[in-house]
Amino acid sequence: MSEQRIVFPVAGENKIAMPPEVASLSEAEKIKKGICPCCNGTLVFQEGCKACYGCGWGGCE
């Protein structure tokens, strides 16, 4: 079984490299899958909104 990692980018660094099938997703599709549309980091659910600790992106539905 392969090991899965959650990657939190550091602000100011380049975007996290993503597989082509993820890189081609629209912004809305990335958000639905928990991927930050700005830096490709992992989104978390915080205070009723999705947020990215890596770049500070945040969005409320």
C-alpha atoms as a PDB file:
ATOM      1  CA  MET A   1       0.000   0.000   0.000  1.00  0.00           C
ATOM      2  CA  SER A   2       1.411   3.411  -0.923  1.00  0.00           C
ATOM      3  CA  GLU A   3       1.844   6.103   1.691  1.00  0.00           C
ATOM      4  CA  GLN A   4      -0.156   9.321   1.291  1.00  0.00           C
ATOM      5  CA  ARG A   5       1.225  12.675   2.344  1.00  0.00           C
ATOM      6  CA  ILE A   6      -0.474  15.960   3.033  1.00  0.00           C
ATOM      7  CA  VAL A   7       1.725  18.838   1.936  1.00  0.00           C
ATOM      8  CA  PHE A   8       1.393  22.336   3.341  1.00  0.00           C
ATOM      9  CA  PRO A   9       3.350  24.828   1.237  1.00  0.00           C
ATOM     10  CA  VAL A  10       5.229  27.687   2.864  1.00  0.00           C
ATOM     11  CA  ALA A  11       4.084  31.176   1.896  1.00  0.00           C
ATOM     12  CA  GLY A  12       6.275  32.669  -0.791  1.00  0.00           C
ATOM     13  CA  GLU A  13       7.358  29.352  -2.290  1.00  0.00           C
ATOM     14  CA  ASN A  14       6.369  28.162  -5.748  1.00  0.00           C
ATOM     15  CA  LYS A  15       3.216  26.188  -6.330  1.00  0.00           C
ATOM     16  CA  ILE A  16       3.262  22.531  -5.396  1.00  0.00           C
ATOM     17  CA  ALA A  17       3.719  20.318  -8.451  1.00  0.00           C
ATOM     18  CA  MET A  18       0.534  18.417  -9.221  1.00  0.00           C
ATOM     19  CA  PRO A  19      -0.184  15.469 -11.499  1.00  0.00           C
ATOM     20  CA  PRO A  20      -1.559  16.542 -14.918  1.00  0.00           C
ATOM     21  CA  GLU A  21      -5.067  15.306 -14.080  1.00  0.00           C
ATOM     22  CA  VAL A  22      -5.167  17.671 -11.083  1.00  0.00           C
ATOM     23  CA  ALA A  23      -3.376  20.570 -12.784  1.00  0.00           C
ATOM     24  CA  SER A  24      -6.045  20.650 -15.499  1.00  0.00           C
ATOM     25  CA  LEU A  25      -8.937  21.072 -13.032  1.00  0.00           C
ATOM     26  CA  SER A  26     -10.857  24.338 -12.889  1.00  0.00           C
ATOM     27  CA  GLU A  27     -10.675  26.510  -9.775  1.00  0.00           C
ATOM     28  CA  ALA A  28     -14.114  25.316  -8.619  1.00  0.00           C
ATOM     29  CA  GLU A  29     -13.178  21.645  -9.135  1.00  0.00           C
ATOM     30  CA  LYS A  30      -9.956  22.089  -7.135  1.00  0.00           C
ATOM     31  CA  ILE A  31     -11.877  23.672  -4.259  1.00  0.00           C
ATOM     32  CA  LYS A  32     -14.415  20.811  -4.252  1.00  0.00           C
ATOM     33  CA  LYS A  33     -11.523  18.323  -4.037  1.00  0.00           C
ATOM     34  CA  GLY A  34      -9.836  20.236  -1.192  1.00  0.00           C
ATOM     35  CA  ILE A  35      -7.000  21.665  -3.285  1.00  0.00           C
ATOM     36  CA  CYS A  36      -6.055  25.333  -2.987  1.00  0.00           C
ATOM     37  CA  PRO A  37      -6.657  27.112  -6.320  1.00  0.00           C
ATOM     38  CA  CYS A  38      -3.733  29.488  -5.681  1.00  0.00           C
ATOM     39  CA  CYS A  39      -0.861  27.271  -4.524  1.00  0.00           C
ATOM     40  CA  ASN A  40      -2.214  23.693  -4.926  1.00  0.00           C
ATOM     41  CA  GLY A  41      -1.848  23.139  -1.174  1.00  0.00           C
ATOM     42  CA  THR A  42      -4.366  21.318   0.998  1.00  0.00           C
ATOM     43  CA  LEU A  43      -7.528  23.154   2.011  1.00  0.00           C
ATOM     44  CA  VAL A  44      -8.877  22.792   5.539  1.00  0.00           C
ATOM     45  CA  PHE A  45     -12.342  23.612   6.878  1.00  0.00           C
ATOM     46  CA  GLN A  46     -12.008  26.341   9.488  1.00  0.00           C
ATOM     47  CA  GLU A  47     -14.703  28.493  11.099  1.00  0.00           C
ATOM     48  CA  GLY A  48     -17.246  27.553   8.448  1.00  0.00           C
ATOM     49  CA  CYS A  49     -14.944  28.313   5.506  1.00  0.00           C
ATOM     50  CA  LYS A  50     -12.308  26.564   3.443  1.00  0.00           C
ATOM     51  CA  ALA A  51      -8.808  27.929   4.002  1.00  0.00           C
ATOM     52  CA  CYS A  52      -5.215  27.258   2.963  1.00  0.00           C
ATOM     53  CA  TYR A  53      -2.495  27.520   5.604  1.00  0.00           C
ATOM     54  CA  GLY A  54       0.171  27.613   2.892  1.00  0.00           C
ATOM     55  CA  CYS A  55      -0.737  30.822   1.084  1.00  0.00           C
ATOM     56  CA  GLY A  56      -3.579  32.281   3.134  1.00  0.00           C
ATOM     57  CA  TRP A  57      -6.293  31.726   0.527  1.00  0.00           C
ATOM     58  CA  GLY A  58      -9.774  31.536   2.001  1.00  0.00           C
ATOM     59  CA  GLY A  59     -13.259  31.148   0.668  1.00  0.00           C
ATOM     60  CA  CYS A  60     -16.708  30.848   2.167  1.00  0.00           C
ATOM     61  CA  GLU A  61     -19.569  29.256   0.311  1.00  0.00           C
END
